[in-house]
Amino acid sequence: MRSPRARRWSPWGKRCAYQGLLLPRATVTPVRSGGLVRRTVVLVALVVWLVGPSHADEKGWIEEGKIGVLAHDFRVFGLGRPGEPGADVNVEVLFASPAFLRVLGAPRPHLGLSINTAGATDYGYIGLTWSGRPWRPLLTLPEGLFVAGSLGGSVHDGYLNTAPPERKRLGSRLLFRESVEVGYQLTHRVSVSVMLDHLSNAGLAHYNQSLNNLGLRVGVTF
């Protein structure tokens, strides 16, 4: 005779139990690139809306495009926590500076995306870029040499408060982003440069294991 405590498991019961085991894991899974792409599309629309009405001339809105490869989570001067794996494919678009930004030195709005080749943290970003040759007329340096710097924000699909050993706990979905760049104008339209960017939440969240990315980029002016 079957014990009164013995229960017969139905296929539906097995399925519910299996889903119950998986549910806790889902709470620590980072947002993947689908959500990042949607956010990036929103950022593109925002930038176009901001700069479009001020530059409806023959030059168009987009002033320059850049593409490159970055060493993902590079340890600057050997300092910091061991980094995440892989390299980043970086794409960035710079827009003509609208008139209302002249009071800030006429920076160019930018929008960019970095996709990690090893499945680590991807991020999209938006901000303002200042570029030029600030040493003139005090120093005589090669004509093609230029420097650039940027300030802005980013959104990523990495981990926040819990992460496997090879990944960073970035603390918040939105991060500050700054970059510095040194380059050379090869022709009127083509440039090459070395760029370092830094992403962090500036200590505003419990965890702040920032990302540093360093690499080479090629720029084309339209």
C-alpha atoms as a PDB file:
ATOM      1  CA  MET A   1       0.000   0.000   0.000  1.00  0.00           C
ATOM      2  CA  ARG A   2       1.393   3.445  -1.018  1.00  0.00           C
ATOM      3  CA  SER A   3       2.388   5.750   1.817  1.00  0.00           C
ATOM      4  CA  PRO A   4       0.014   8.757   2.245  1.00  0.00           C
ATOM      5  CA  ARG A   5       3.050  11.066   1.999  1.00  0.00           C
ATOM      6  CA  ALA A   6       4.137   9.702  -1.366  1.00  0.00           C
ATOM      7  CA  ARG A   7       3.079  12.007  -4.149  1.00  0.00           C
ATOM      8  CA  ARG A   8       3.029  11.460  -7.835  1.00  0.00           C
ATOM      9  CA  TRP A   9       4.926  14.196  -9.739  1.00  0.00           C
ATOM     10  CA  SER A  10       3.206  15.420 -12.853  1.00  0.00           C
ATOM     11  CA  PRO A  11       5.173  16.888 -15.784  1.00  0.00           C
ATOM     12  CA  TRP A  12       3.735  20.299 -14.794  1.00  0.00           C
ATOM     13  CA  GLY A  13       5.040  19.864 -11.254  1.00  0.00           C
ATOM     14  CA  LYS A  14       8.506  18.973 -12.495  1.00  0.00           C
ATOM     15  CA  ARG A  15       8.517  22.026 -14.761  1.00  0.00           C
ATOM     16  CA  CYS A  16       7.533  24.365 -11.916  1.00  0.00           C
ATOM     17  CA  ALA A  17      10.246  22.924  -9.669  1.00  0.00           C
ATOM     18  CA  TYR A  18      12.863  23.339 -12.390  1.00  0.00           C
ATOM     19  CA  GLN A  19      11.823  26.948 -12.955  1.00  0.00           C
ATOM     20  CA  GLY A  20      11.994  27.527  -9.201  1.00  0.00           C
ATOM     21  CA  LEU A  21      15.626  26.423  -9.206  1.00  0.00           C
ATOM     22  CA  LEU A  22      16.489  28.762 -12.072  1.00  0.00           C
ATOM     23  CA  LEU A  23      14.669  31.826 -10.761  1.00  0.00           C
ATOM     24  CA  PRO A  24      17.274  32.876  -8.131  1.00  0.00           C
ATOM     25  CA  ARG A  25      20.002  32.780 -10.786  1.00  0.00           C
ATOM     26  CA  ALA A  26      18.053  35.109 -13.026  1.00  0.00           C
ATOM     27  CA  THR A  27      18.273  37.884 -10.449  1.00  0.00           C
ATOM     28  CA  VAL A  28      22.054  38.201 -10.893  1.00  0.00           C
ATOM     29  CA  THR A  29      22.155  37.963 -14.688  1.00  0.00           C
ATOM     30  CA  PRO A  30      23.292  41.254 -16.263  1.00  0.00           C
ATOM     31  CA  VAL A  31      21.254  43.074 -18.878  1.00  0.00           C
ATOM     32  CA  ARG A  32      22.533  41.904 -22.261  1.00  0.00           C
ATOM     33  CA  SER A  33      23.111  43.757 -25.482  1.00  0.00           C
ATOM     34  CA  GLY A  34      19.464  43.817 -26.576  1.00  0.00           C
ATOM     35  CA  GLY A  35      18.629  46.303 -23.854  1.00  0.00           C
ATOM     36  CA  LEU A  36      21.837  48.199 -24.530  1.00  0.00           C
ATOM     37  CA  VAL A  37      20.976  48.559 -28.212  1.00  0.00           C
ATOM     38  CA  ARG A  38      17.538  49.951 -27.351  1.00  0.00           C
ATOM     39  CA  ARG A  39      19.097  52.488 -24.993  1.00  0.00           C
ATOM     40  CA  THR A  40      21.658  53.454 -27.635  1.00  0.00           C
ATOM     41  CA  VAL A  41      18.894  54.063 -30.186  1.00  0.00           C
ATOM     42  CA  VAL A  42      17.232  56.403 -27.701  1.00  0.00           C
ATOM     43  CA  LEU A  43      20.525  58.243 -27.233  1.00  0.00           C
ATOM     44  CA  VAL A  44      20.958  58.608 -31.001  1.00  0.00           C
ATOM     45  CA  ALA A  45      17.481  60.094 -31.303  1.00  0.00           C
ATOM     46  CA  LEU A  46      18.182  62.504 -28.439  1.00  0.00           C
ATOM     47  CA  VAL A  47      21.453  63.767 -29.940  1.00  0.00           C
ATOM     48  CA  VAL A  48      19.917  64.190 -33.405  1.00  0.00           C
ATOM     49  CA  TRP A  49      17.033  66.152 -31.888  1.00  0.00           C
ATOM     50  CA  LEU A  50      19.430  68.432 -30.006  1.00  0.00           C
ATOM     51  CA  VAL A  51      21.825  69.253 -32.824  1.00  0.00           C
ATOM     52  CA  GLY A  52      19.604  68.902 -35.846  1.00  0.00           C
ATOM     53  CA  PRO A  53      17.697  72.211 -35.870  1.00  0.00           C
ATOM     54  CA  SER A  54      20.888  74.242 -35.374  1.00  0.00           C
ATOM     55  CA  HIS A  55      22.749  72.671 -38.297  1.00  0.00           C
ATOM     56  CA  ALA A  56      20.409  72.182 -41.178  1.00  0.00           C
ATOM     57  CA  ASP A  57      23.047  73.235 -43.711  1.00  0.00           C
ATOM     58  CA  GLU A  58      24.941  71.587 -46.557  1.00  0.00           C
ATOM     59  CA  LYS A  59      27.452  69.934 -44.217  1.00  0.00           C
ATOM     60  CA  GLY A  60      24.842  67.827 -42.453  1.00  0.00           C
ATOM     61  CA  TRP A  61      24.705  66.876 -38.796  1.00  0.00           C
ATOM     62  CA  ILE A  62      27.464  64.283 -38.592  1.00  0.00           C
ATOM     63  CA  GLU A  63      30.932  65.837 -38.667  1.00  0.00           C
ATOM     64  CA  GLU A  64      33.205  62.863 -37.965  1.00  0.00           C
ATOM     65  CA  GLY A  65      33.096  59.127 -37.435  1.00  0.00           C
ATOM     66  CA  LYS A  66      35.649  57.013 -35.566  1.00  0.00           C
ATOM     67  CA  ILE A  67      36.233  53.285 -35.312  1.00  0.00           C
ATOM     68  CA  GLY A  68      38.875  51.377 -33.382  1.00  0.00           C
ATOM     69  CA  VAL A  69      39.905  48.526 -31.134  1.00  0.00           C
ATOM     70  CA  LEU A  70      40.442  49.020 -27.393  1.00  0.00           C
ATOM     71  CA  ALA A  71      42.151  46.889 -24.748  1.00  0.00           C
ATOM     72  CA  HIS A  72      39.190  46.284 -22.457  1.00  0.00           C
ATOM     73  CA  ASP A  73      39.632  47.180 -18.779  1.00  0.00           C
ATOM     74  CA  PHE A  74      43.278  48.173 -19.131  1.00  0.00           C
ATOM     75  CA  ARG A  75      45.225  48.577 -15.863  1.00  0.00           C
ATOM     76  CA  VAL A  76      46.633  52.113 -16.003  1.00  0.00           C
ATOM     77  CA  PHE A  77      50.263  52.086 -14.750  1.00  0.00           C
ATOM     78  CA  GLY A  78      49.621  48.577 -13.426  1.00  0.00           C
ATOM     79  CA  LEU A  79      47.245  49.903 -10.757  1.00  0.00           C
ATOM     80  CA  GLY A  80      43.785  48.647  -9.903  1.00  0.00           C
ATOM     81  CA  ARG A  81      41.972  45.323  -9.772  1.00  0.00           C
ATOM     82  CA  PRO A  82      42.750  42.742 -12.508  1.00  0.00           C
ATOM     83  CA  GLY A  83      40.564  43.523 -15.466  1.00  0.00           C
ATOM     84  CA  GLU A  84      37.807  41.892 -17.469  1.00  0.00           C
ATOM     85  CA  PRO A  85      38.718  39.794 -20.535  1.00  0.00           C
ATOM     86  CA  GLY A  86      38.642  40.568 -24.224  1.00  0.00           C
ATOM     87  CA  ALA A  87      38.946  43.620 -26.437  1.00  0.00           C
ATOM     88  CA  ASP A  88      36.381  46.238 -27.423  1.00  0.00           C
ATOM     89  CA  VAL A  89      35.275  47.217 -30.915  1.00  0.00           C
ATOM     90  CA  ASN A  90      34.563  50.938 -30.574  1.00  0.00           C
ATOM     91  CA  VAL A  91      32.423  53.084 -32.880  1.00  0.00           C
ATOM     92  CA  GLU A  92      31.821  56.795 -32.271  1.00  0.00           C
ATOM     93  CA  VAL A  93      30.017  59.571 -34.113  1.00  0.00           C
ATOM     94  CA  LEU A  94      30.768  63.265 -33.523  1.00  0.00           C
ATOM     95  CA  PHE A  95      28.232  65.928 -34.451  1.00  0.00           C
ATOM     96  CA  ALA A  96      28.804  69.550 -35.440  1.00  0.00           C
ATOM     97  CA  SER A  97      28.789  71.819 -32.392  1.00  0.00           C
ATOM     98  CA  PRO A  98      25.462  73.678 -32.072  1.00  0.00           C
ATOM     99  CA  ALA A  99      25.425  77.405 -31.452  1.00  0.00           C
ATOM    100  CA  PHE A 100      24.251  77.156 -27.838  1.00  0.00           C
ATOM    101  CA  LEU A 101      27.460  75.299 -26.874  1.00  0.00           C
ATOM    102  CA  ARG A 102      29.764  78.150 -27.927  1.00  0.00           C
ATOM    103  CA  VAL A 103      29.737  79.447 -24.366  1.00  0.00           C
ATOM    104  CA  LEU A 104      31.461  76.158 -23.343  1.00  0.00           C
ATOM    105  CA  GLY A 105      34.148  76.417 -26.016  1.00  0.00           C
ATOM    106  CA  ALA A 106      32.116  74.844 -28.845  1.00  0.00           C
ATOM    107  CA  PRO A 107      32.473  71.151 -27.912  1.00  0.00           C
ATOM    108  CA  ARG A 108      31.062  68.579 -30.310  1.00  0.00           C
ATOM    109  CA  PRO A 109      28.291  66.250 -29.074  1.00  0.00           C
ATOM    110  CA  HIS A 110      29.265  62.606 -29.472  1.00  0.00           C
ATOM    111  CA  LEU A 111      27.604  59.226 -29.308  1.00  0.00           C
ATOM    112  CA  GLY A 112      29.457  55.924 -29.137  1.00  0.00           C
ATOM    113  CA  LEU A 113      29.242  52.188 -28.560  1.00  0.00           C
ATOM    114  CA  SER A 114      31.862  49.650 -27.408  1.00  0.00           C
ATOM    115  CA  ILE A 115      31.159  45.932 -27.865  1.00  0.00           C
ATOM    116  CA  ASN A 116      33.356  43.441 -26.002  1.00  0.00           C
ATOM    117  CA  THR A 117      34.659  40.506 -28.062  1.00  0.00           C
ATOM    118  CA  ALA A 118      34.744  38.095 -25.085  1.00  0.00           C
ATOM    119  CA  GLY A 119      31.202  38.631 -23.831  1.00  0.00           C
ATOM    120  CA  ALA A 120      32.237  40.971 -21.021  1.00  0.00           C
ATOM    121  CA  THR A 121      30.807  44.444 -20.413  1.00  0.00           C
ATOM    122  CA  ASP A 122      29.424  46.354 -23.404  1.00  0.00           C
ATOM    123  CA  TYR A 123      28.550  50.026 -23.073  1.00  0.00           C
ATOM    124  CA  GLY A 124      27.013  52.901 -24.972  1.00  0.00           C
ATOM    125  CA  TYR A 125      27.860  56.511 -24.195  1.00  0.00           C
ATOM    126  CA  ILE A 126      27.002  60.129 -24.904  1.00  0.00           C
ATOM    127  CA  GLY A 127      28.718  63.393 -24.087  1.00  0.00           C
ATOM    128  CA  LEU A 128      30.723  66.378 -25.308  1.00  0.00           C
ATOM    129  CA  THR A 129      34.186  66.372 -26.920  1.00  0.00           C
ATOM    130  CA  TRP A 130      36.657  69.266 -26.919  1.00  0.00           C
ATOM    131  CA  SER A 131      39.465  68.965 -29.477  1.00  0.00           C
ATOM    132  CA  GLY A 132      42.157  71.193 -30.928  1.00  0.00           C
ATOM    133  CA  ARG A 133      45.727  72.396 -30.550  1.00  0.00           C
ATOM    134  CA  PRO A 134      45.816  74.358 -27.264  1.00  0.00           C
ATOM    135  CA  TRP A 135      49.619  74.845 -27.374  1.00  0.00           C
ATOM    136  CA  ARG A 136      49.349  77.395 -30.182  1.00  0.00           C
ATOM    137  CA  PRO A 137      50.951  79.959 -30.472  1.00  0.00           C
ATOM    138  CA  LEU A 138      53.275  79.179 -27.547  1.00  0.00           C
ATOM    139  CA  LEU A 139      54.777  76.003 -29.016  1.00  0.00           C
ATOM    140  CA  THR A 140      55.674  74.900 -32.514  1.00  0.00           C
ATOM    141  CA  LEU A 141      54.607  71.286 -32.875  1.00  0.00           C
ATOM    142  CA  PRO A 142      53.773  69.179 -35.953  1.00  0.00           C
ATOM    143  CA  GLU A 143      50.831  70.682 -37.798  1.00  0.00           C
ATOM    144  CA  GLY A 144      48.823  67.470 -37.809  1.00  0.00           C
ATOM    145  CA  LEU A 145      49.086  66.804 -34.067  1.00  0.00           C
ATOM    146  CA  PHE A 146      45.913  67.278 -31.983  1.00  0.00           C
ATOM    147  CA  VAL A 147      44.490  66.436 -28.566  1.00  0.00           C
ATOM    148  CA  ALA A 148      40.943  65.830 -27.400  1.00  0.00           C
ATOM    149  CA  GLY A 149      39.069  65.259 -24.183  1.00  0.00           C
ATOM    150  CA  SER A 150      35.487  64.393 -23.368  1.00  0.00           C
ATOM    151  CA  LEU A 151      32.969  64.313 -20.532  1.00  0.00           C
ATOM    152  CA  GLY A 152      29.658  62.484 -20.476  1.00  0.00           C
ATOM    153  CA  GLY A 153      27.757  59.451 -19.303  1.00  0.00           C
ATOM    154  CA  SER A 154      27.322  55.819 -20.250  1.00  0.00           C
ATOM    155  CA  VAL A 155      24.988  52.860 -19.831  1.00  0.00           C
ATOM    156  CA  HIS A 156      26.331  49.296 -19.682  1.00  0.00           C
ATOM    157  CA  ASP A 157      25.137  45.679 -19.574  1.00  0.00           C
ATOM    158  CA  GLY A 158      27.619  44.445 -16.955  1.00  0.00           C
ATOM    159  CA  TYR A 159      27.188  43.356 -13.342  1.00  0.00           C
ATOM    160  CA  LEU A 160      26.197  45.679 -10.519  1.00  0.00           C
ATOM    161  CA  ASN A 161      26.543  44.196  -7.002  1.00  0.00           C
ATOM    162  CA  THR A 162      27.327  40.510  -7.604  1.00  0.00           C
ATOM    163  CA  ALA A 163      29.674  39.144 -10.272  1.00  0.00           C
ATOM    164  CA  PRO A 164      31.835  36.128 -11.126  1.00  0.00           C
ATOM    165  CA  PRO A 165      35.589  36.428 -10.386  1.00  0.00           C
ATOM    166  CA  GLU A 166      36.549  37.552 -13.905  1.00  0.00           C
ATOM    167  CA  ARG A 167      33.988  40.378 -14.014  1.00  0.00           C
ATOM    168  CA  LYS A 168      33.644  43.796 -12.368  1.00  0.00           C
ATOM    169  CA  ARG A 169      30.943  44.957  -9.932  1.00  0.00           C
ATOM    170  CA  LEU A 170      30.171  48.356 -11.412  1.00  0.00           C
ATOM    171  CA  GLY A 171      27.603  49.387  -8.810  1.00  0.00           C
ATOM    172  CA  SER A 172      25.093  51.248 -11.005  1.00  0.00           C
ATOM    173  CA  ARG A 173      23.671  50.883 -14.496  1.00  0.00           C
ATOM    174  CA  LEU A 174      24.540  54.488 -15.394  1.00  0.00           C
ATOM    175  CA  LEU A 175      28.183  55.572 -15.153  1.00  0.00           C
ATOM    176  CA  PHE A 176      30.210  58.701 -15.722  1.00  0.00           C
ATOM    177  CA  ARG A 177      32.603  58.564 -18.676  1.00  0.00           C
ATOM    178  CA  GLU A 178      35.702  60.655 -19.387  1.00  0.00           C
ATOM    179  CA  SER A 179      38.301  60.265 -22.115  1.00  0.00           C
ATOM    180  CA  VAL A 180      41.594  61.710 -23.320  1.00  0.00           C
ATOM    181  CA  GLU A 181      42.951  61.316 -26.835  1.00  0.00           C
ATOM    182  CA  VAL A 182      46.131  62.179 -28.742  1.00  0.00           C
ATOM    183  CA  GLY A 183      46.154  61.924 -32.517  1.00  0.00           C
ATOM    184  CA  TYR A 184      47.583  62.962 -35.839  1.00  0.00           C
ATOM    185  CA  GLN A 185      45.732  64.275 -38.886  1.00  0.00           C
ATOM    186  CA  LEU A 186      47.094  62.195 -41.770  1.00  0.00           C
ATOM    187  CA  THR A 187      45.076  63.964 -44.450  1.00  0.00           C
ATOM    188  CA  HIS A 188      42.338  66.572 -44.543  1.00  0.00           C
ATOM    189  CA  ARG A 189      39.794  63.833 -43.811  1.00  0.00           C
ATOM    190  CA  VAL A 190      41.635  60.941 -42.097  1.00  0.00           C
ATOM    191  CA  SER A 191      43.228  60.833 -38.643  1.00  0.00           C
ATOM    192  CA  VAL A 192      44.692  58.220 -36.300  1.00  0.00           C
ATOM    193  CA  SER A 193      44.706  58.487 -32.516  1.00  0.00           C
ATOM    194  CA  VAL A 194      45.290  56.783 -29.184  1.00  0.00           C
ATOM    195  CA  MET A 195      42.344  57.035 -26.788  1.00  0.00           C
ATOM    196  CA  LEU A 196      41.921  56.196 -23.086  1.00  0.00           C
ATOM    197  CA  ASP A 197      38.481  56.268 -21.499  1.00  0.00           C
ATOM    198  CA  HIS A 198      37.391  55.743 -17.901  1.00  0.00           C
ATOM    199  CA  LEU A 199      33.967  54.646 -16.656  1.00  0.00           C
ATOM    200  CA  SER A 200      32.865  54.757 -13.014  1.00  0.00           C
ATOM    201  CA  ASN A 201      30.055  55.883 -10.725  1.00  0.00           C
ATOM    202  CA  ALA A 202      32.402  58.234  -8.796  1.00  0.00           C
ATOM    203  CA  GLY A 203      31.741  56.400  -5.552  1.00  0.00           C
ATOM    204  CA  LEU A 204      28.003  57.120  -5.586  1.00  0.00           C
ATOM    205  CA  ALA A 205      27.141  53.407  -5.350  1.00  0.00           C
ATOM    206  CA  HIS A 206      28.263  50.728  -2.900  1.00  0.00           C
ATOM    207  CA  TYR A 207      30.564  49.127  -5.511  1.00  0.00           C
ATOM    208  CA  ASN A 208      32.716  51.135  -7.903  1.00  0.00           C
ATOM    209  CA  GLN A 209      35.070  48.765  -9.725  1.00  0.00           C
ATOM    210  CA  SER A 210      35.653  51.072 -12.672  1.00  0.00           C
ATOM    211  CA  LEU A 211      36.658  50.268 -16.266  1.00  0.00           C
ATOM    212  CA  ASN A 212      39.618  51.726 -18.189  1.00  0.00           C
ATOM    213  CA  ASN A 213      39.900  51.083 -21.924  1.00  0.00           C
ATOM    214  CA  LEU A 214      42.882  51.984 -24.115  1.00  0.00           C
ATOM    215  CA  GLY A 215      43.344  51.615 -27.853  1.00  0.00           C
ATOM    216  CA  LEU A 216      43.777  52.912 -31.389  1.00  0.00           C
ATOM    217  CA  ARG A 217      41.139  54.620 -33.508  1.00  0.00           C
ATOM    218  CA  VAL A 218      40.818  55.865 -37.074  1.00  0.00           C
ATOM    219  CA  GLY A 219      38.725  58.954 -37.724  1.00  0.00           C
ATOM    220  CA  VAL A 220      37.075  60.123 -40.948  1.00  0.00           C
ATOM    221  CA  THR A 221      35.750  63.678 -41.323  1.00  0.00           C
ATOM    222  CA  PHE A 222      32.646  64.115 -43.486  1.00  0.00           C
END
